[in-house]
Amino acid sequence: MDGTGLPQFRGTDAKECKEFIAAVVKHAYSQGKLRDDEWIADFAASCFVDDALGWWSWLDEETQGSWKLLRQAMLTRYHPIFCGKNGEEAEQFVFSVRQRARDAGKQKDNDWIIAFISDSFVGDALRFHVSLDSSIQENWKLLQVAILAQYPREDQSGPVLKYGFFGAGIPTD
């Protein structure tokens, strides 16, 4: 939020993106403009600062002028990032990817999910991901298990994942 109480969007990550979208919808509702696609897009654009403003300026005019298209572009651009810090972050990443796939109607589209997360890995998670066999990198079901096995919760209270069959990047028993 800026000094006026209006939302700002800097374009830092998926969490900020979701929070911004919710704030824009709330503001549009309070102004009686919830169904005014163009008004909402213009309002949202007025809230972009820093990297988000630069990104917005490169969008085509149709996307800039439609909240529906702008929102989709934002959700595509600002996807979940996974650093490989701990098990909780791993669970949140897998959950976020599943949620985004469901929202897009793509939960059974392995190719879409793999393309969506292709640049989501950074730091230790990136090193882990590139060490995996391509058969795991390209299969969301196997990749989920590999991520959760590599980054278990410290208070492991659920089933212990078996991961010995994955090959490179995941230790075997």
Protein backbone atom coordinates (compact mmCIF):
# COMPACT_ATOMS: atom_id res chain seq x y z
CA MET A 1 0.00 0.00 0.00
CA ASP A 2 1.14 3.53 -0.66
CA GLY A 3 0.42 6.60 1.48
CA THR A 4 -3.12 6.83 0.05
CA GLY A 5 -4.06 3.32 1.11
CA LEU A 6 -4.11 2.10 -2.48
CA PRO A 7 -2.23 -1.08 -3.38
CA GLN A 8 1.15 -1.01 -5.09
CA PHE A 9 2.66 -3.80 -7.11
CA ARG A 10 6.44 -4.01 -7.40
CA GLY A 11 6.60 -7.37 -9.18
CA THR A 12 8.68 -9.21 -6.61
CA ASP A 13 7.06 -12.66 -6.41
CA ALA A 14 3.96 -14.84 -6.64
CA LYS A 15 2.80 -14.03 -3.10
CA GLU A 16 2.86 -10.29 -3.75
CA CYS A 17 1.05 -10.90 -7.05
CA LYS A 18 -1.80 -12.81 -5.39
CA GLU A 19 -2.11 -10.20 -2.65
CA PHE A 20 -2.16 -7.39 -5.21
CA ILE A 21 -4.85 -9.09 -7.31
CA ALA A 22 -6.99 -9.53 -4.19
CA ALA A 23 -6.49 -5.85 -3.24
CA VAL A 24 -7.41 -4.68 -6.75
CA VAL A 25 -10.58 -6.78 -6.77
CA LYS A 26 -11.52 -5.45 -3.33
CA HIS A 27 -10.96 -1.86 -4.46
CA ALA A 28 -12.95 -2.39 -7.68
CA TYR A 29 -15.80 -3.81 -5.62
CA SER A 30 -15.74 -0.83 -3.25
CA GLN A 31 -15.96 1.50 -6.27
CA GLY A 32 -18.83 -0.44 -7.88
CA LYS A 33 -16.56 -1.39 -10.81
CA LEU A 34 -16.14 -5.13 -10.27
CA ARG A 35 -17.51 -5.97 -13.75
CA ASP A 36 -15.71 -3.12 -15.55
CA ASP A 37 -12.78 -4.97 -17.13
CA GLU A 38 -11.16 -1.87 -18.66
CA TRP A 39 -11.52 0.29 -15.53
CA ILE A 40 -9.91 -2.37 -13.36
CA ALA A 41 -7.02 -2.79 -15.82
CA ASP A 42 -6.43 0.98 -15.81
CA PHE A 43 -6.60 1.10 -12.02
CA ALA A 44 -4.20 -1.83 -11.65
CA ALA A 45 -1.76 -0.22 -14.10
CA SER A 46 -1.75 2.95 -11.99
CA CYS A 47 -0.53 0.85 -9.04
CA PHE A 48 2.50 -0.66 -10.83
CA VAL A 49 5.91 0.55 -9.66
CA ASP A 50 9.53 -0.53 -10.09
CA ASP A 51 10.00 -3.81 -12.01
CA ALA A 52 6.26 -4.35 -12.43
CA LEU A 53 5.90 -1.04 -14.26
CA GLY A 54 8.71 -1.96 -16.65
CA TRP A 55 7.14 -5.37 -17.27
CA TRP A 56 3.69 -3.82 -17.85
CA SER A 57 5.10 -1.34 -20.39
CA TRP A 58 6.18 -4.26 -22.61
CA LEU A 59 2.74 -5.88 -22.67
CA ASP A 60 0.60 -5.50 -25.78
CA GLU A 61 -2.18 -2.90 -25.73
CA GLU A 62 -4.95 -5.50 -25.56
CA THR A 63 -3.48 -7.06 -22.40
CA GLN A 64 -2.84 -3.65 -20.84
CA GLY A 65 -6.48 -2.67 -21.40
CA SER A 66 -8.20 -5.81 -20.06
CA TRP A 67 -8.16 -6.85 -16.40
CA LYS A 68 -8.93 -10.43 -17.38
CA LEU A 69 -5.91 -10.61 -19.71
CA LEU A 70 -3.68 -8.55 -17.40
CA ARG A 71 -4.49 -10.78 -14.42
CA GLN A 72 -3.67 -13.89 -16.48
CA ALA A 73 -0.40 -12.33 -17.65
CA MET A 74 0.51 -11.45 -14.05
CA LEU A 75 -0.19 -14.95 -12.77
CA THR A 76 1.90 -16.41 -15.59
CA ARG A 77 4.80 -14.01 -15.02
CA TYR A 78 4.87 -14.09 -11.24
CA HIS A 79 4.87 -17.81 -10.57
CA PRO A 80 6.06 -19.64 -7.46
CA ILE A 81 9.81 -19.65 -6.77
CA PHE A 82 11.52 -22.51 -4.96
CA CYS A 83 14.90 -21.93 -3.27
CA GLY A 84 15.33 -25.27 -1.48
CA LYS A 85 15.46 -23.79 2.03
CA ASN A 86 13.47 -26.45 3.89
CA GLY A 87 10.60 -28.92 3.86
CA GLU A 88 7.95 -26.31 4.58
CA GLU A 89 9.02 -24.26 1.56
CA ALA A 90 9.01 -27.45 -0.56
CA GLU A 91 5.45 -28.27 0.51
CA GLN A 92 4.31 -24.71 -0.17
CA PHE A 93 5.90 -24.79 -3.63
CA VAL A 94 4.25 -28.09 -4.58
CA PHE A 95 0.91 -26.84 -3.20
CA SER A 96 1.19 -23.55 -5.11
CA VAL A 97 1.98 -25.31 -8.39
CA ARG A 98 -0.93 -27.72 -7.91
CA GLN A 99 -3.24 -24.83 -7.07
CA ARG A 100 -2.15 -22.80 -10.12
CA ALA A 101 -2.56 -25.84 -12.40
CA ARG A 102 -6.04 -26.46 -11.00
CA ASP A 103 -7.00 -22.79 -11.43
CA ALA A 104 -5.87 -22.96 -15.06
CA GLY A 105 -7.68 -26.27 -15.65
CA LYS A 106 -4.33 -27.96 -16.33
CA GLN A 107 -3.92 -30.29 -13.35
CA LYS A 108 -3.63 -33.32 -15.68
CA ASP A 109 -1.46 -31.54 -18.28
CA ASN A 110 2.08 -32.62 -17.38
CA ASP A 111 3.66 -30.59 -20.20
CA TRP A 112 1.91 -27.39 -19.08
CA ILE A 113 2.99 -27.86 -15.46
CA ILE A 114 6.60 -28.63 -16.37
CA ALA A 115 6.73 -25.58 -18.66
CA PHE A 116 5.11 -23.43 -15.95
CA ILE A 117 7.73 -24.37 -13.33
CA SER A 118 10.71 -24.47 -15.69
CA ASP A 119 12.24 -21.29 -14.28
CA SER A 120 10.93 -21.62 -10.71
CA PHE A 121 14.07 -23.18 -9.25
CA VAL A 122 16.81 -21.00 -7.75
CA GLY A 123 19.75 -21.55 -5.40
CA ASP A 124 19.99 -25.01 -3.85
CA ALA A 125 16.74 -26.06 -5.50
CA LEU A 126 18.17 -25.23 -8.94
CA ARG A 127 21.25 -27.34 -8.24
CA PHE A 128 19.02 -30.18 -7.06
CA HIS A 129 16.71 -29.89 -10.08
CA VAL A 130 19.48 -29.94 -12.69
CA SER A 131 21.07 -32.97 -10.99
CA LEU A 132 17.93 -35.02 -11.55
CA ASP A 133 17.53 -37.39 -14.46
CA SER A 134 15.49 -35.81 -17.26
CA SER A 135 12.80 -38.47 -16.79
CA ILE A 136 12.13 -36.94 -13.36
CA GLN A 137 12.55 -33.32 -14.46
CA GLU A 138 9.91 -33.89 -17.15
CA ASN A 139 7.36 -35.78 -15.03
CA TRP A 140 5.45 -33.67 -12.48
CA LYS A 141 4.30 -36.69 -10.45
CA LEU A 142 7.86 -37.94 -9.98
CA LEU A 143 9.25 -34.44 -9.52
CA GLN A 144 6.84 -33.72 -6.64
CA VAL A 145 7.99 -36.82 -4.82
CA ALA A 146 11.63 -36.01 -5.50
CA ILE A 147 11.25 -32.46 -4.14
CA LEU A 148 9.44 -33.57 -1.01
CA ALA A 149 11.91 -36.41 -0.40
CA GLN A 150 14.93 -34.14 -0.86
CA TYR A 151 13.48 -31.44 1.39
CA PRO A 152 11.64 -33.23 4.22
CA ARG A 153 9.99 -31.38 7.09
CA GLU A 154 12.06 -31.31 10.25
CA ASP A 155 9.02 -32.51 12.21
CA GLN A 156 8.22 -35.24 9.67
CA SER A 157 4.75 -36.19 10.83
CA GLY A 158 3.44 -37.74 7.62
CA PRO A 159 4.53 -40.71 5.56
CA VAL A 160 8.25 -41.03 4.93
CA LEU A 161 8.86 -40.84 1.21
CA LYS A 162 10.84 -43.57 -0.49
CA TYR A 163 13.23 -42.03 -2.95
CA GLY A 164 15.92 -44.55 -3.77
CA PHE A 165 14.72 -45.18 -7.31
CA PHE A 166 15.21 -41.64 -8.59
CA GLY A 167 18.85 -41.77 -9.53
CA ALA A 168 21.10 -38.74 -9.69
CA GLY A 169 20.55 -36.01 -7.17
CA ILE A 170 18.67 -38.05 -4.60
CA PRO A 171 20.52 -40.23 -2.14
CA THR A 172 19.75 -43.92 -2.02
CA ASP A 173 19.48 -46.06 1.09
